[in-house]
Amino acid sequence: MPRIDRVPTPDRVVFLTIDDGAAKDPAFAKLMRTLRVPFSMFLTDSMAGDNYGYFARMHQLGNRVQNHTLTHRRLDNLPYAAQRAEICGQQNRLQKVFGERPTLFRPPRGHYDPTTLRAAADCGIRATVLWRANMQPRGLRYEGTDRTLRPGDIILFHFFPKQRLHGAALTDVTEDLLRTITEQGFAVARLEDYV
């Protein structure tokens, strides 16, 4: 199974992936709807499951829902059965709620082992998605030695709850990220259109 943190493309695009589902900020949803920014949601049932309706509204706008496990447990070194339960359980849950089965998977905190990849494949996952840049409340962090975005980079973001934002609003952090992307000469594209 492929593991990707960027997609080879000549297009000046990057991909926004948003994890967990802890915060359900209506202002964030409105901003993304107004700006028509495409993104992929890697949802965890234990965080997003109390209000899947919030994410369903963004899904109806063409943003895809992908798998981030049932409980956000660290998977590497767990037995196959436990890893499969986390991944397939979320596959089943998301299919029931959104009417489609995810094809992409992000391991919690990026931790995985060969057993994780086997379990994900057995659950119908096509690719494991990691990241090249990680947007935090205080700015964009780059994973490699490059301190700039490159075409096809995957950016990790989160549905940050208020207590993690250090007094900022999720919309402020989002606007900072989108400004950084634009200033570096990129547009945001939908990951699923490229993989």
N, C-alpha and C. Protein backbone atom coordinates (compact mmCIF):
# COMPACT_ATOMS: atom_id res chain seq x y z
N MET A 1 0.84 -1.18 0.00
CA MET A 1 0.00 0.00 0.00
C MET A 1 0.89 1.24 0.00
N PRO A 2 0.59 2.19 -0.88
CA PRO A 2 1.40 3.41 -0.89
C PRO A 2 1.21 4.26 0.37
N ARG A 3 2.31 4.90 0.77
CA ARG A 3 2.29 5.89 1.86
C ARG A 3 2.72 7.19 1.21
N ILE A 4 1.88 8.21 1.31
CA ILE A 4 2.16 9.45 0.61
C ILE A 4 2.19 10.63 1.57
N ASP A 5 3.12 11.55 1.33
CA ASP A 5 3.12 12.83 2.04
C ASP A 5 3.11 13.99 1.04
N ARG A 6 3.22 13.64 -0.22
CA ARG A 6 3.03 14.60 -1.32
C ARG A 6 2.66 13.80 -2.55
N VAL A 7 2.07 14.49 -3.50
CA VAL A 7 1.65 13.86 -4.75
C VAL A 7 2.46 14.49 -5.87
N PRO A 8 3.20 13.68 -6.64
CA PRO A 8 3.96 14.26 -7.75
C PRO A 8 3.01 14.93 -8.76
N THR A 9 3.18 16.21 -8.96
CA THR A 9 2.36 16.96 -9.91
C THR A 9 3.11 18.21 -10.35
N PRO A 10 2.94 18.59 -11.61
CA PRO A 10 3.52 19.86 -12.07
C PRO A 10 2.64 21.05 -11.67
N ASP A 11 1.43 20.77 -11.21
CA ASP A 11 0.49 21.85 -10.85
C ASP A 11 0.97 22.55 -9.58
N ARG A 12 0.75 23.85 -9.52
CA ARG A 12 1.12 24.66 -8.33
C ARG A 12 0.00 24.54 -7.30
N VAL A 13 -0.18 23.32 -6.79
CA VAL A 13 -1.23 23.05 -5.81
C VAL A 13 -0.65 22.33 -4.60
N VAL A 14 -1.32 22.50 -3.47
CA VAL A 14 -1.07 21.73 -2.26
C VAL A 14 -2.42 21.20 -1.80
N PHE A 15 -2.38 20.28 -0.84
CA PHE A 15 -3.60 19.61 -0.41
C PHE A 15 -3.81 19.81 1.08
N LEU A 16 -4.98 20.26 1.44
CA LEU A 16 -5.34 20.52 2.83
C LEU A 16 -6.10 19.33 3.39
N THR A 17 -5.56 18.73 4.45
CA THR A 17 -6.20 17.61 5.12
C THR A 17 -6.42 18.01 6.58
N ILE A 18 -7.63 17.78 7.07
CA ILE A 18 -7.99 18.24 8.41
C ILE A 18 -8.39 17.04 9.26
N ASP A 19 -7.76 16.92 10.42
CA ASP A 19 -7.90 15.72 11.25
C ASP A 19 -8.82 15.87 12.45
N ASP A 20 -9.22 14.74 12.93
CA ASP A 20 -9.87 14.48 14.21
C ASP A 20 -11.35 14.79 14.22
N GLY A 21 -11.73 16.04 14.28
CA GLY A 21 -13.14 16.41 14.39
C GLY A 21 -13.52 16.86 15.78
N ALA A 22 -12.54 17.29 16.57
CA ALA A 22 -12.82 17.70 17.95
C ALA A 22 -13.67 18.95 18.01
N ALA A 23 -13.40 19.94 17.18
CA ALA A 23 -14.16 21.20 17.20
C ALA A 23 -15.13 21.22 16.03
N LYS A 24 -16.29 21.76 16.30
CA LYS A 24 -17.31 21.93 15.27
C LYS A 24 -17.70 23.40 15.22
N ASP A 25 -16.79 24.22 14.73
CA ASP A 25 -16.93 25.67 14.73
C ASP A 25 -17.76 26.11 13.51
N PRO A 26 -18.95 26.67 13.73
CA PRO A 26 -19.77 27.12 12.60
C PRO A 26 -19.08 28.21 11.77
N ALA A 27 -18.28 29.06 12.40
CA ALA A 27 -17.57 30.11 11.66
C ALA A 27 -16.56 29.51 10.69
N PHE A 28 -15.89 28.43 11.10
CA PHE A 28 -14.95 27.75 10.22
C PHE A 28 -15.69 27.18 9.01
N ALA A 29 -16.80 26.50 9.25
CA ALA A 29 -17.58 25.90 8.16
C ALA A 29 -18.04 26.99 7.19
N LYS A 30 -18.48 28.12 7.73
CA LYS A 30 -18.94 29.22 6.88
C LYS A 30 -17.78 29.78 6.05
N LEU A 31 -16.61 29.96 6.67
CA LEU A 31 -15.44 30.47 5.95
C LEU A 31 -15.07 29.56 4.79
N MET A 32 -14.99 28.26 5.06
CA MET A 32 -14.58 27.32 4.01
C MET A 32 -15.63 27.25 2.90
N ARG A 33 -16.90 27.35 3.27
CA ARG A 33 -17.98 27.36 2.28
C ARG A 33 -17.89 28.62 1.42
N THR A 34 -17.67 29.76 2.06
CA THR A 34 -17.59 31.04 1.35
C THR A 34 -16.39 31.07 0.40
N LEU A 35 -15.24 30.61 0.88
CA LEU A 35 -14.02 30.64 0.06
C LEU A 35 -13.93 29.48 -0.93
N ARG A 36 -14.78 28.47 -0.74
CA ARG A 36 -14.79 27.28 -1.60
C ARG A 36 -13.43 26.58 -1.62
N VAL A 37 -12.85 26.46 -0.44
CA VAL A 37 -11.56 25.79 -0.30
C VAL A 37 -11.82 24.29 -0.17
N PRO A 38 -11.26 23.47 -1.06
CA PRO A 38 -11.44 22.02 -0.93
C PRO A 38 -10.52 21.44 0.14
N PHE A 39 -10.99 20.45 0.85
CA PHE A 39 -10.17 19.78 1.86
C PHE A 39 -10.69 18.38 2.09
N SER A 40 -9.85 17.57 2.70
CA SER A 40 -10.20 16.19 3.06
C SER A 40 -10.27 16.12 4.57
N MET A 41 -11.32 15.47 5.08
CA MET A 41 -11.52 15.35 6.53
C MET A 41 -11.16 13.93 6.96
N PHE A 42 -10.13 13.80 7.79
CA PHE A 42 -9.75 12.52 8.36
C PHE A 42 -10.34 12.46 9.77
N LEU A 43 -11.50 11.80 9.88
CA LEU A 43 -12.29 11.87 11.11
C LEU A 43 -12.08 10.67 12.02
N THR A 44 -12.08 10.97 13.31
CA THR A 44 -12.01 9.98 14.38
C THR A 44 -13.37 9.96 15.06
N ASP A 45 -13.96 8.78 15.17
CA ASP A 45 -15.31 8.66 15.71
C ASP A 45 -15.42 9.22 17.12
N SER A 46 -14.44 8.96 17.97
CA SER A 46 -14.53 9.41 19.36
C SER A 46 -14.52 10.94 19.48
N MET A 47 -14.07 11.65 18.44
CA MET A 47 -14.05 13.11 18.47
C MET A 47 -15.16 13.72 17.61
N ALA A 48 -15.41 13.14 16.46
CA ALA A 48 -16.39 13.70 15.53
C ALA A 48 -17.78 13.11 15.70
N GLY A 49 -17.86 11.94 16.29
CA GLY A 49 -19.10 11.17 16.31
C GLY A 49 -20.26 11.79 17.05
N ASP A 50 -20.00 12.76 17.91
CA ASP A 50 -21.10 13.39 18.64
C ASP A 50 -21.88 14.37 17.77
N ASN A 51 -21.35 14.71 16.57
CA ASN A 51 -22.07 15.62 15.68
C ASN A 51 -21.59 15.43 14.25
N TYR A 52 -21.85 14.26 13.70
CA TYR A 52 -21.46 14.02 12.31
C TYR A 52 -22.22 14.94 11.35
N GLY A 53 -23.34 15.50 11.79
CA GLY A 53 -24.09 16.42 10.94
C GLY A 53 -23.27 17.62 10.52
N TYR A 54 -22.42 18.11 11.43
CA TYR A 54 -21.54 19.24 11.12
C TYR A 54 -20.64 18.91 9.93
N PHE A 55 -20.06 17.72 9.94
CA PHE A 55 -19.15 17.32 8.87
C PHE A 55 -19.92 16.92 7.61
N ALA A 56 -21.13 16.43 7.78
CA ALA A 56 -21.96 16.07 6.62
C ALA A 56 -22.26 17.29 5.76
N ARG A 57 -22.47 18.44 6.38
CA ARG A 57 -22.73 19.66 5.60
C ARG A 57 -21.51 20.03 4.74
N MET A 58 -20.32 19.85 5.27
CA MET A 58 -19.11 20.13 4.48
C MET A 58 -18.89 19.05 3.42
N HIS A 59 -19.27 17.83 3.75
CA HIS A 59 -19.18 16.72 2.81
C HIS A 59 -20.09 16.98 1.61
N GLN A 60 -21.27 17.52 1.85
CA GLN A 60 -22.22 17.81 0.76
C GLN A 60 -21.67 18.86 -0.20
N LEU A 61 -20.68 19.64 0.24
CA LEU A 61 -20.05 20.64 -0.63
C LEU A 61 -18.91 20.05 -1.45
N GLY A 62 -18.67 18.74 -1.33
CA GLY A 62 -17.65 18.07 -2.12
C GLY A 62 -16.37 17.74 -1.38
N ASN A 63 -16.33 18.03 -0.09
CA ASN A 63 -15.16 17.67 0.70
C ASN A 63 -15.30 16.22 1.16
N ARG A 64 -14.28 15.44 0.93
CA ARG A 64 -14.35 14.00 1.19
C ARG A 64 -14.05 13.69 2.66
N VAL A 65 -14.63 12.60 3.11
CA VAL A 65 -14.42 12.10 4.47
C VAL A 65 -13.54 10.86 4.38
N GLN A 66 -12.46 10.86 5.18
CA GLN A 66 -11.52 9.75 5.19
C GLN A 66 -11.33 9.24 6.62
N ASN A 67 -10.57 8.16 6.76
CA ASN A 67 -10.47 7.40 8.01
C ASN A 67 -9.28 7.82 8.87
N HIS A 68 -9.57 8.07 10.16
CA HIS A 68 -8.53 8.41 11.15
C HIS A 68 -8.73 7.58 12.43
N THR A 69 -9.33 6.43 12.31
CA THR A 69 -9.61 5.43 13.35
C THR A 69 -10.81 5.79 14.22
N LEU A 70 -11.25 4.80 14.97
CA LEU A 70 -12.38 4.97 15.90
C LEU A 70 -12.03 5.84 17.10
N THR A 71 -10.84 5.60 17.69
CA THR A 71 -10.54 6.23 18.99
C THR A 71 -9.24 7.02 19.04
N HIS A 72 -8.53 7.14 17.92
CA HIS A 72 -7.26 7.88 17.86
C HIS A 72 -6.17 7.21 18.71
N ARG A 73 -6.26 5.94 18.87
CA ARG A 73 -5.25 5.16 19.59
C ARG A 73 -3.98 5.05 18.77
N ARG A 74 -2.85 5.07 19.43
CA ARG A 74 -1.59 4.83 18.73
C ARG A 74 -1.59 3.37 18.26
N LEU A 75 -1.39 3.15 16.97
CA LEU A 75 -1.57 1.82 16.39
C LEU A 75 -0.31 0.97 16.35
N ASP A 76 0.84 1.59 16.10
CA ASP A 76 2.04 0.77 15.92
C ASP A 76 2.28 -0.08 17.17
N ASN A 77 2.65 -1.28 16.93
CA ASN A 77 2.92 -2.30 17.95
C ASN A 77 1.68 -2.90 18.59
N LEU A 78 0.48 -2.50 18.18
CA LEU A 78 -0.73 -3.21 18.61
C LEU A 78 -0.88 -4.47 17.77
N PRO A 79 -1.53 -5.49 18.28
CA PRO A 79 -1.76 -6.69 17.46
C PRO A 79 -2.67 -6.37 16.27
N TYR A 80 -2.58 -7.23 15.26
CA TYR A 80 -3.35 -7.04 14.04
C TYR A 80 -4.84 -6.86 14.34
N ALA A 81 -5.42 -7.68 15.18
CA ALA A 81 -6.87 -7.62 15.45
C ALA A 81 -7.27 -6.26 16.02
N ALA A 82 -6.45 -5.69 16.89
CA ALA A 82 -6.77 -4.38 17.48
C ALA A 82 -6.67 -3.28 16.42
N GLN A 83 -5.64 -3.35 15.58
CA GLN A 83 -5.49 -2.34 14.54
C GLN A 83 -6.63 -2.44 13.52
N ARG A 84 -6.95 -3.66 13.15
CA ARG A 84 -8.05 -3.86 12.18
C ARG A 84 -9.36 -3.36 12.76
N ALA A 85 -9.62 -3.59 14.03
CA ALA A 85 -10.85 -3.12 14.66
C ALA A 85 -10.94 -1.60 14.62
N GLU A 86 -9.84 -0.92 14.89
CA GLU A 86 -9.81 0.55 14.86
C GLU A 86 -10.10 1.08 13.45
N ILE A 87 -9.45 0.47 12.46
CA ILE A 87 -9.56 0.98 11.08
C ILE A 87 -10.87 0.52 10.43
N CYS A 88 -11.16 -0.77 10.44
CA CYS A 88 -12.39 -1.26 9.82
C CYS A 88 -13.63 -0.74 10.55
N GLY A 89 -13.53 -0.61 11.87
CA GLY A 89 -14.66 -0.07 12.62
C GLY A 89 -15.01 1.33 12.16
N GLN A 90 -14.00 2.16 11.91
CA GLN A 90 -14.26 3.51 11.43
C GLN A 90 -14.72 3.50 9.97
N GLN A 91 -14.19 2.57 9.18
CA GLN A 91 -14.68 2.43 7.80
C GLN A 91 -16.19 2.20 7.81
N ASN A 92 -16.62 1.25 8.64
CA ASN A 92 -18.04 0.90 8.71
C ASN A 92 -18.87 2.06 9.21
N ARG A 93 -18.37 2.74 10.22
CA ARG A 93 -19.10 3.87 10.80
C ARG A 93 -19.26 5.00 9.78
N LEU A 94 -18.18 5.35 9.10
CA LEU A 94 -18.25 6.44 8.13
C LEU A 94 -19.11 6.08 6.93
N GLN A 95 -19.07 4.83 6.51
CA GLN A 95 -19.93 4.41 5.41
C GLN A 95 -21.40 4.53 5.81
N LYS A 96 -21.71 4.14 7.03
CA LYS A 96 -23.09 4.23 7.51
C LYS A 96 -23.56 5.68 7.56
N VAL A 97 -22.71 6.58 8.05
CA VAL A 97 -23.09 7.98 8.23
C VAL A 97 -23.09 8.75 6.90
N PHE A 98 -22.05 8.56 6.07
CA PHE A 98 -21.87 9.38 4.87
C PHE A 98 -22.23 8.68 3.57
N GLY A 99 -22.51 7.38 3.63
CA GLY A 99 -22.94 6.67 2.44
C GLY A 99 -21.82 6.29 1.49
N GLU A 100 -20.59 6.45 1.91
CA GLU A 100 -19.45 6.02 1.09
C GLU A 100 -18.32 5.56 1.99
N ARG A 101 -17.57 4.62 1.48
CA ARG A 101 -16.48 4.03 2.25
C ARG A 101 -15.19 4.79 1.95
N PRO A 102 -14.47 5.27 2.98
CA PRO A 102 -13.21 5.96 2.74
C PRO A 102 -12.20 5.10 1.99
N THR A 103 -11.34 5.76 1.23
CA THR A 103 -10.28 5.07 0.50
C THR A 103 -8.90 5.45 1.02
N LEU A 104 -8.85 6.49 1.87
CA LEU A 104 -7.58 6.96 2.41
C LEU A 104 -7.60 6.85 3.93
N PHE A 105 -6.42 6.70 4.49
CA PHE A 105 -6.29 6.50 5.94
C PHE A 105 -5.11 7.30 6.45
N ARG A 106 -5.29 7.92 7.61
CA ARG A 106 -4.18 8.57 8.30
C ARG A 106 -4.05 7.95 9.67
N PRO A 107 -2.89 7.35 9.98
CA PRO A 107 -2.69 6.80 11.33
C PRO A 107 -2.57 7.92 12.35
N PRO A 108 -3.17 7.77 13.52
CA PRO A 108 -3.07 8.80 14.55
C PRO A 108 -1.62 9.16 14.84
N ARG A 109 -1.34 10.46 14.85
CA ARG A 109 -0.01 11.03 15.10
C ARG A 109 1.04 10.55 14.09
N GLY A 110 0.60 9.92 13.03
CA GLY A 110 1.51 9.43 12.00
C GLY A 110 2.25 8.16 12.37
N HIS A 111 1.86 7.51 13.47
CA HIS A 111 2.54 6.29 13.92
C HIS A 111 1.89 5.06 13.29
N TYR A 112 2.70 4.26 12.63
CA TYR A 112 2.21 3.02 12.02
C TYR A 112 3.36 2.04 11.93
N ASP A 113 3.01 0.79 11.65
CA ASP A 113 4.00 -0.26 11.42
C ASP A 113 3.48 -1.13 10.27
N PRO A 114 4.23 -2.16 9.86
CA PRO A 114 3.74 -2.99 8.76
C PRO A 114 2.37 -3.62 9.03
N THR A 115 2.07 -3.91 10.28
CA THR A 115 0.77 -4.47 10.62
C THR A 115 -0.34 -3.47 10.34
N THR A 116 -0.08 -2.19 10.61
CA THR A 116 -1.06 -1.13 10.33
C THR A 116 -1.39 -1.10 8.84
N LEU A 117 -0.36 -1.16 8.02
CA LEU A 117 -0.57 -1.09 6.57
C LEU A 117 -1.35 -2.30 6.08
N ARG A 118 -1.07 -3.47 6.63
CA ARG A 118 -1.81 -4.68 6.26
C ARG A 118 -3.26 -4.59 6.69
N ALA A 119 -3.50 -4.12 7.92
CA ALA A 119 -4.87 -3.98 8.42
C ALA A 119 -5.63 -2.96 7.58
N ALA A 120 -5.00 -1.84 7.25
CA ALA A 120 -5.66 -0.81 6.45
C ALA A 120 -6.04 -1.37 5.07
N ALA A 121 -5.12 -2.08 4.44
CA ALA A 121 -5.41 -2.67 3.13
C ALA A 121 -6.56 -3.67 3.25
N ASP A 122 -6.56 -4.46 4.30
CA ASP A 122 -7.63 -5.44 4.50
C ASP A 122 -8.98 -4.78 4.76
N CYS A 123 -8.96 -3.52 5.17
CA CYS A 123 -10.20 -2.76 5.39
C CYS A 123 -10.63 -1.96 4.16
N GLY A 124 -9.90 -2.12 3.05
CA GLY A 124 -10.28 -1.46 1.80
C GLY A 124 -9.63 -0.12 1.55
N ILE A 125 -8.60 0.21 2.32
CA ILE A 125 -7.88 1.48 2.15
C ILE A 125 -6.92 1.36 0.97
N ARG A 126 -6.83 2.41 0.14
CA ARG A 126 -5.93 2.43 -1.02
C ARG A 126 -4.58 3.04 -0.72
N ALA A 127 -4.54 4.02 0.22
CA ALA A 127 -3.27 4.71 0.51
C ALA A 127 -3.29 5.24 1.94
N THR A 128 -2.12 5.26 2.54
CA THR A 128 -1.93 5.87 3.86
C THR A 128 -1.36 7.27 3.62
N VAL A 129 -2.01 8.26 4.22
CA VAL A 129 -1.69 9.66 3.95
C VAL A 129 -0.97 10.26 5.16
N LEU A 130 0.23 10.77 4.92
CA LEU A 130 1.01 11.48 5.94
C LEU A 130 1.05 12.95 5.51
N TRP A 131 2.10 13.69 5.82
CA TRP A 131 2.12 15.12 5.51
C TRP A 131 3.53 15.63 5.39
N ARG A 132 3.67 16.76 4.67
CA ARG A 132 4.97 17.46 4.51
C ARG A 132 5.02 18.74 5.31
N ALA A 133 3.83 19.26 5.68
CA ALA A 133 3.76 20.48 6.49
C ALA A 133 2.59 20.32 7.45
N ASN A 134 2.73 20.93 8.62
CA ASN A 134 1.76 20.75 9.70
C ASN A 134 1.39 22.13 10.23
N MET A 135 0.14 22.53 10.02
CA MET A 135 -0.30 23.84 10.49
C MET A 135 -0.71 23.73 11.95
N GLN A 136 -0.04 24.51 12.78
CA GLN A 136 -0.33 24.59 14.21
C GLN A 136 -0.89 25.98 14.52
N PRO A 137 -1.49 26.18 15.68
CA PRO A 137 -2.03 27.51 15.99
C PRO A 137 -1.02 28.65 15.87
N ARG A 138 0.26 28.34 16.00
CA ARG A 138 1.27 29.41 15.92
C ARG A 138 2.04 29.42 14.61
N GLY A 139 1.52 28.72 13.61
CA GLY A 139 2.16 28.79 12.30
C GLY A 139 2.41 27.45 11.66
N LEU A 140 2.88 27.50 10.42
CA LEU A 140 3.12 26.31 9.62
C LEU A 140 4.50 25.73 9.93
N ARG A 141 4.54 24.45 10.22
CA ARG A 141 5.80 23.74 10.47
C ARG A 141 6.06 22.80 9.30
N TYR A 142 7.28 22.85 8.80
CA TYR A 142 7.66 22.00 7.68
C TYR A 142 8.37 20.76 8.21
N GLU A 143 8.08 19.61 7.62
CA GLU A 143 8.64 18.34 8.10
C GLU A 143 10.06 18.11 7.62
N GLY A 144 10.39 18.55 6.44
CA GLY A 144 11.73 18.31 5.91
C GLY A 144 12.64 19.50 6.12
N THR A 145 13.74 19.51 5.38
CA THR A 145 14.69 20.62 5.49
C THR A 145 14.23 21.83 4.71
N ASP A 146 13.36 21.61 3.72
CA ASP A 146 12.80 22.75 2.98
C ASP A 146 11.92 23.56 3.94
N ARG A 147 12.02 24.84 3.86
CA ARG A 147 11.18 25.73 4.68
C ARG A 147 10.17 26.44 3.78
N THR A 148 9.72 25.70 2.78
CA THR A 148 8.76 26.23 1.84
C THR A 148 7.91 25.07 1.31
N LEU A 149 6.76 25.40 0.79
CA LEU A 149 5.91 24.38 0.19
C LEU A 149 6.42 24.03 -1.20
N ARG A 150 6.12 22.81 -1.60
CA ARG A 150 6.44 22.36 -2.95
C ARG A 150 5.17 21.84 -3.60
N PRO A 151 5.11 21.81 -4.93
CA PRO A 151 3.90 21.30 -5.59
C PRO A 151 3.57 19.89 -5.09
N GLY A 152 2.29 19.70 -4.76
CA GLY A 152 1.81 18.39 -4.34
C GLY A 152 1.95 18.09 -2.87
N ASP A 153 2.48 19.04 -2.08
CA ASP A 153 2.63 18.79 -0.64
C ASP A 153 1.27 18.61 0.04
N ILE A 154 1.23 17.69 0.98
CA ILE A 154 0.05 17.47 1.80
C ILE A 154 0.25 18.21 3.11
N ILE A 155 -0.73 19.02 3.48
CA ILE A 155 -0.68 19.81 4.71
C ILE A 155 -1.63 19.23 5.72
N LEU A 156 -1.11 19.00 6.91
CA LEU A 156 -1.92 18.53 8.04
C LEU A 156 -2.46 19.74 8.81
N PHE A 157 -3.74 19.69 9.10
CA PHE A 157 -4.41 20.73 9.89
C PHE A 157 -5.34 19.97 10.84
N HIS A 158 -5.94 20.65 11.79
CA HIS A 158 -6.85 20.00 12.72
C HIS A 158 -8.10 20.85 12.94
N PHE A 159 -9.18 20.19 13.29
CA PHE A 159 -10.36 20.88 13.79
C PHE A 159 -10.03 21.19 15.25
N PHE A 160 -9.20 22.23 15.45
CA PHE A 160 -8.68 22.55 16.79
C PHE A 160 -9.79 23.02 17.73
N PRO A 161 -9.86 22.46 18.93
CA PRO A 161 -10.76 23.01 19.94
C PRO A 161 -10.19 24.32 20.49
N LYS A 162 -11.05 25.16 21.06
CA LYS A 162 -10.64 26.50 21.53
C LYS A 162 -9.44 26.46 22.45
N GLN A 163 -9.38 25.49 23.37
CA GLN A 163 -8.29 25.46 24.34
C GLN A 163 -6.92 25.24 23.70
N ARG A 164 -6.87 24.77 22.46
CA ARG A 164 -5.58 24.59 21.78
C ARG A 164 -5.18 25.79 20.94
N LEU A 165 -6.06 26.78 20.84
CA LEU A 165 -5.82 27.89 19.93
C LEU A 165 -5.14 29.10 20.58
N HIS A 166 -4.86 29.05 21.87
CA HIS A 166 -4.15 30.12 22.57
C HIS A 166 -4.81 31.49 22.35
N GLY A 167 -6.13 31.52 22.43
CA GLY A 167 -6.86 32.77 22.31
C GLY A 167 -7.24 33.17 20.89
N ALA A 168 -6.73 32.49 19.90
CA ALA A 168 -7.10 32.78 18.51
C ALA A 168 -8.39 32.05 18.17
N ALA A 169 -8.97 32.40 17.06
CA ALA A 169 -10.13 31.68 16.54
C ALA A 169 -9.66 30.71 15.46
N LEU A 170 -10.37 29.62 15.28
CA LEU A 170 -10.01 28.67 14.23
C LEU A 170 -10.01 29.34 12.86
N THR A 171 -10.90 30.28 12.66
CA THR A 171 -10.91 31.00 11.38
C THR A 171 -9.64 31.83 11.19
N ASP A 172 -9.11 32.40 12.27
CA ASP A 172 -7.86 33.17 12.16
C ASP A 172 -6.71 32.27 11.74
N VAL A 173 -6.60 31.11 12.36
CA VAL A 173 -5.52 30.17 12.04
C VAL A 173 -5.68 29.68 10.60
N THR A 174 -6.92 29.43 10.20
CA THR A 174 -7.19 28.99 8.83
C THR A 174 -6.81 30.07 7.83
N GLU A 175 -7.17 31.31 8.11
CA GLU A 175 -6.82 32.41 7.21
C GLU A 175 -5.31 32.59 7.12
N ASP A 176 -4.61 32.41 8.23
CA ASP A 176 -3.14 32.47 8.21
C ASP A 176 -2.56 31.40 7.28
N LEU A 177 -3.09 30.19 7.39
CA LEU A 177 -2.62 29.10 6.54
C LEU A 177 -2.90 29.41 5.08
N LEU A 178 -4.11 29.82 4.76
CA LEU A 178 -4.45 30.10 3.37
C LEU A 178 -3.62 31.25 2.81
N ARG A 179 -3.33 32.24 3.64
CA ARG A 179 -2.46 33.36 3.22
C ARG A 179 -1.05 32.84 2.91
N THR A 180 -0.51 31.97 3.76
CA THR A 180 0.82 31.40 3.53
C THR A 180 0.85 30.62 2.23
N ILE A 181 -0.16 29.82 1.98
CA ILE A 181 -0.24 29.04 0.75
C ILE A 181 -0.25 29.97 -0.46
N THR A 182 -1.07 30.99 -0.42
CA THR A 182 -1.18 31.94 -1.53
C THR A 182 0.12 32.72 -1.74
N GLU A 183 0.72 33.18 -0.64
CA GLU A 183 1.97 33.95 -0.74
C GLU A 183 3.09 33.13 -1.36
N GLN A 184 3.05 31.81 -1.18
CA GLN A 184 4.07 30.95 -1.78
C GLN A 184 3.71 30.53 -3.20
N GLY A 185 2.60 31.07 -3.73
CA GLY A 185 2.24 30.84 -5.13
C GLY A 185 1.47 29.58 -5.40
N PHE A 186 0.74 29.08 -4.40
CA PHE A 186 -0.01 27.84 -4.57
C PHE A 186 -1.51 28.07 -4.42
N ALA A 187 -2.26 27.13 -4.97
CA ALA A 187 -3.70 27.02 -4.74
C ALA A 187 -3.94 25.71 -3.99
N VAL A 188 -5.10 25.58 -3.37
CA VAL A 188 -5.47 24.36 -2.68
C VAL A 188 -6.32 23.53 -3.62
N ALA A 189 -5.96 22.26 -3.78
CA ALA A 189 -6.73 21.33 -4.63
C ALA A 189 -7.25 20.19 -3.75
N ARG A 190 -8.19 19.45 -4.29
CA ARG A 190 -8.76 18.30 -3.57
C ARG A 190 -7.84 17.09 -3.75
N LEU A 191 -7.35 16.55 -2.66
CA LEU A 191 -6.42 15.43 -2.69
C LEU A 191 -6.98 14.25 -3.49
N GLU A 192 -8.24 13.94 -3.30
CA GLU A 192 -8.83 12.78 -3.94
C GLU A 192 -8.88 12.91 -5.47
N ASP A 193 -8.75 14.13 -5.99
CA ASP A 193 -8.68 14.32 -7.46
C ASP A 193 -7.31 13.96 -8.02
N TYR A 194 -6.32 13.79 -7.13
CA TYR A 194 -4.94 13.52 -7.57
C TYR A 194 -4.43 12.13 -7.19
N VAL A 195 -5.10 11.47 -6.26
CA VAL A 195 -4.63 10.12 -5.87
C VAL A 195 -5.65 9.07 -6.23
